[in-house]
Amino acid sequence: MIQFSKISTRYAKAIYEYAAENKAETTLYREFRTLAASFLSLPQMRDLLDNPTLEKPKKLAVLQAAAGENISPECLRVLGLIVDNDRVDYAYPIALMYEDIYKKAKNIVSVRLHSASPISDEARKALERLVAQNNQEVNFENRTDERMIGGFVLEIEDLRLDASVSSQLNDIKLGLLRR
């Protein structure tokens, strides 16, 4: 789990304010999501950015490439600020914190459903209605994983409900091993 520091939180808040003033908060949201996904999919990127011999312009180029093609001038400016202030090691938590701040400001709730098979549109809509409160927009993602055997894992923001058959079988196995 990522530990958010005061630095990453302050930067993310300031970046959101800057983006809102420039009517670019949604664009930066998409670019920071891409940046965060790049950190996850390319773990060697963090090692590269931590290299003290890598010059600032090259670090900036790495972050720009990780944020996606044709990034906005606002994103270029923000990434430049992060690099110039020697905060590259905070780039990933800043991107994640920005996503959280954006979703709170736009009243968006993230829901992820992991199931053994895809769910119907009716079930998806019912789940969205159940989760949405106070006119929230629901960002719904459904992933299928046949290894689950059956059941589901539902994640709503930071909450997790694991009702998968594979998890229940694992619990039974652990219970038997303790005896």
Foldseek 3Di string as FASTA:
>chain_A
DDDDDPVLLVLLVVLCVVCVVVVNLVLLLLLLVQLLVLCVVPVVLLVVLPDPVDDLVVNLVSSVVSSDPPRDPSVSVSSSVCSVVVNSNSSNVSSVSNNVVSCVVQQEKEKEKEFQDDDDPVVVVVVQVVPDDPPHHYHYHYHHDNVLVGDMWMDIPPDIDDPTPVVVVVVVVVVVVVD
